[in-house]
Protein backbone atom coordinates (compact mmCIF):
# COMPACT_ATOMS: atom_id res chain seq x y z
CA UNK A 1 -92.28 -3.34 14.44
CA UNK A 2 -94.98 -2.08 12.11
CA UNK A 3 -98.08 -0.48 13.60
CA UNK A 4 -100.24 -0.20 10.49
CA UNK A 5 -102.33 -3.23 9.60
CA UNK A 6 -101.28 -3.30 5.94
CA UNK A 7 -97.60 -3.07 6.92
CA UNK A 8 -98.03 -6.01 9.31
CA UNK A 9 -99.63 -8.00 6.49
CA UNK A 10 -96.76 -7.16 4.13
CA UNK A 11 -94.28 -8.49 6.69
CA UNK A 12 -96.17 -11.78 6.94
CA UNK A 13 -96.62 -12.12 3.18
CA UNK A 14 -92.97 -11.29 2.48
CA UNK A 15 -91.84 -13.86 5.04
CA UNK A 16 -94.03 -16.52 3.42
CA UNK A 17 -92.78 -15.70 -0.06
CA UNK A 18 -89.15 -15.66 1.10
CA UNK A 19 -89.54 -19.15 2.57
CA UNK A 20 -91.11 -20.40 -0.66
CA UNK A 21 -88.37 -18.86 -2.79
CA UNK A 22 -85.69 -20.30 -0.51
CA UNK A 23 -87.19 -23.77 -0.84
CA UNK A 24 -87.36 -23.54 -4.64
CA UNK A 25 -83.78 -22.22 -4.88
CA UNK A 26 -82.55 -24.99 -2.60
CA UNK A 27 -84.22 -27.62 -4.78
CA UNK A 28 -82.61 -26.16 -7.88
CA UNK A 29 -79.18 -26.16 -6.24
CA UNK A 30 -79.62 -29.79 -5.20
CA UNK A 31 -80.58 -30.77 -8.74
CA UNK A 32 -77.50 -29.01 -10.13
CA UNK A 33 -75.27 -30.76 -7.58
CA UNK A 34 -76.69 -34.13 -8.65
CA UNK A 35 -75.74 -33.41 -12.27
CA UNK A 36 -72.18 -32.48 -11.32
CA UNK A 37 -71.92 -35.53 -9.05
CA UNK A 38 -72.94 -37.78 -11.95
CA UNK A 39 -70.37 -36.06 -14.17
CA UNK A 40 -67.66 -36.66 -11.55
CA UNK A 41 -68.44 -40.37 -11.44
CA UNK A 42 -68.31 -40.50 -15.24
CA UNK A 43 -71.78 -42.03 -15.64
CA UNK A 44 -73.14 -40.44 -18.82
CA UNK A 45 -76.62 -41.98 -18.56
CA UNK A 46 -77.06 -40.81 -14.96
CA UNK A 47 -75.75 -37.37 -15.87
CA UNK A 48 -78.24 -37.04 -18.72
CA UNK A 49 -81.19 -38.11 -16.58
CA UNK A 50 -80.07 -35.74 -13.82
CA UNK A 51 -79.75 -32.99 -16.45
CA UNK A 52 -83.37 -33.49 -17.53
CA UNK A 53 -84.54 -33.30 -13.91
CA UNK A 54 -82.38 -30.24 -13.19
CA UNK A 55 -83.60 -28.47 -16.32
CA UNK A 56 -87.22 -29.03 -15.30
CA UNK A 57 -86.52 -27.76 -11.76
CA UNK A 58 -84.74 -24.64 -13.00
CA UNK A 59 -87.48 -23.90 -15.55
CA UNK A 60 -90.15 -24.21 -12.86
CA UNK A 61 -88.18 -21.83 -10.65
CA UNK A 62 -88.03 -19.41 -13.56
CA UNK A 63 -91.79 -19.52 -14.18
CA UNK A 64 -92.43 -18.90 -10.47
CA UNK A 65 -90.23 -15.80 -10.61
CA UNK A 66 -87.43 -17.14 -8.41
CA UNK A 67 -84.84 -16.94 -11.20
CA UNK A 68 -84.67 -14.38 -13.99
CA UNK A 69 -85.17 -16.02 -17.39
CA UNK A 70 -81.60 -15.24 -18.49
CA UNK A 71 -80.20 -16.69 -15.26
CA UNK A 72 -82.21 -19.87 -15.71
CA UNK A 73 -81.12 -20.13 -19.34
CA UNK A 74 -77.47 -19.66 -18.38
CA UNK A 75 -77.64 -22.34 -15.69
CA UNK A 76 -79.27 -24.86 -18.04
CA UNK A 77 -76.79 -24.04 -20.79
CA UNK A 78 -73.78 -24.59 -18.52
CA UNK A 79 -75.16 -27.88 -17.25
CA UNK A 80 -75.88 -29.13 -20.78
CA UNK A 81 -72.42 -28.09 -21.91
CA UNK A 82 -70.80 -29.93 -19.00
CA UNK A 83 -72.77 -33.12 -19.74
CA UNK A 84 -72.04 -32.95 -23.48
CA UNK A 85 -68.30 -32.56 -22.85
CA UNK A 86 -68.16 -35.88 -21.00
CA UNK A 87 -66.02 -38.54 -22.65
């Protein structure tokens, strides 16, 4: 355990930020799963609306620094490609 006051603060701050990042990542994963679930059912309209929601969630995670911009771009691109390839 840290003895120095600033080190103790860093532990608390890092724990808080890790929880926040975990929550944001979890929300992004859920949004992605909803898109793929809509694709599996074959509902194009639901897939497109889920894609819009997932894109917004991923972009917000990117602006908050949870995802790197290239990672966010790649995730959005793959989702859009999957929705566009639906019959």
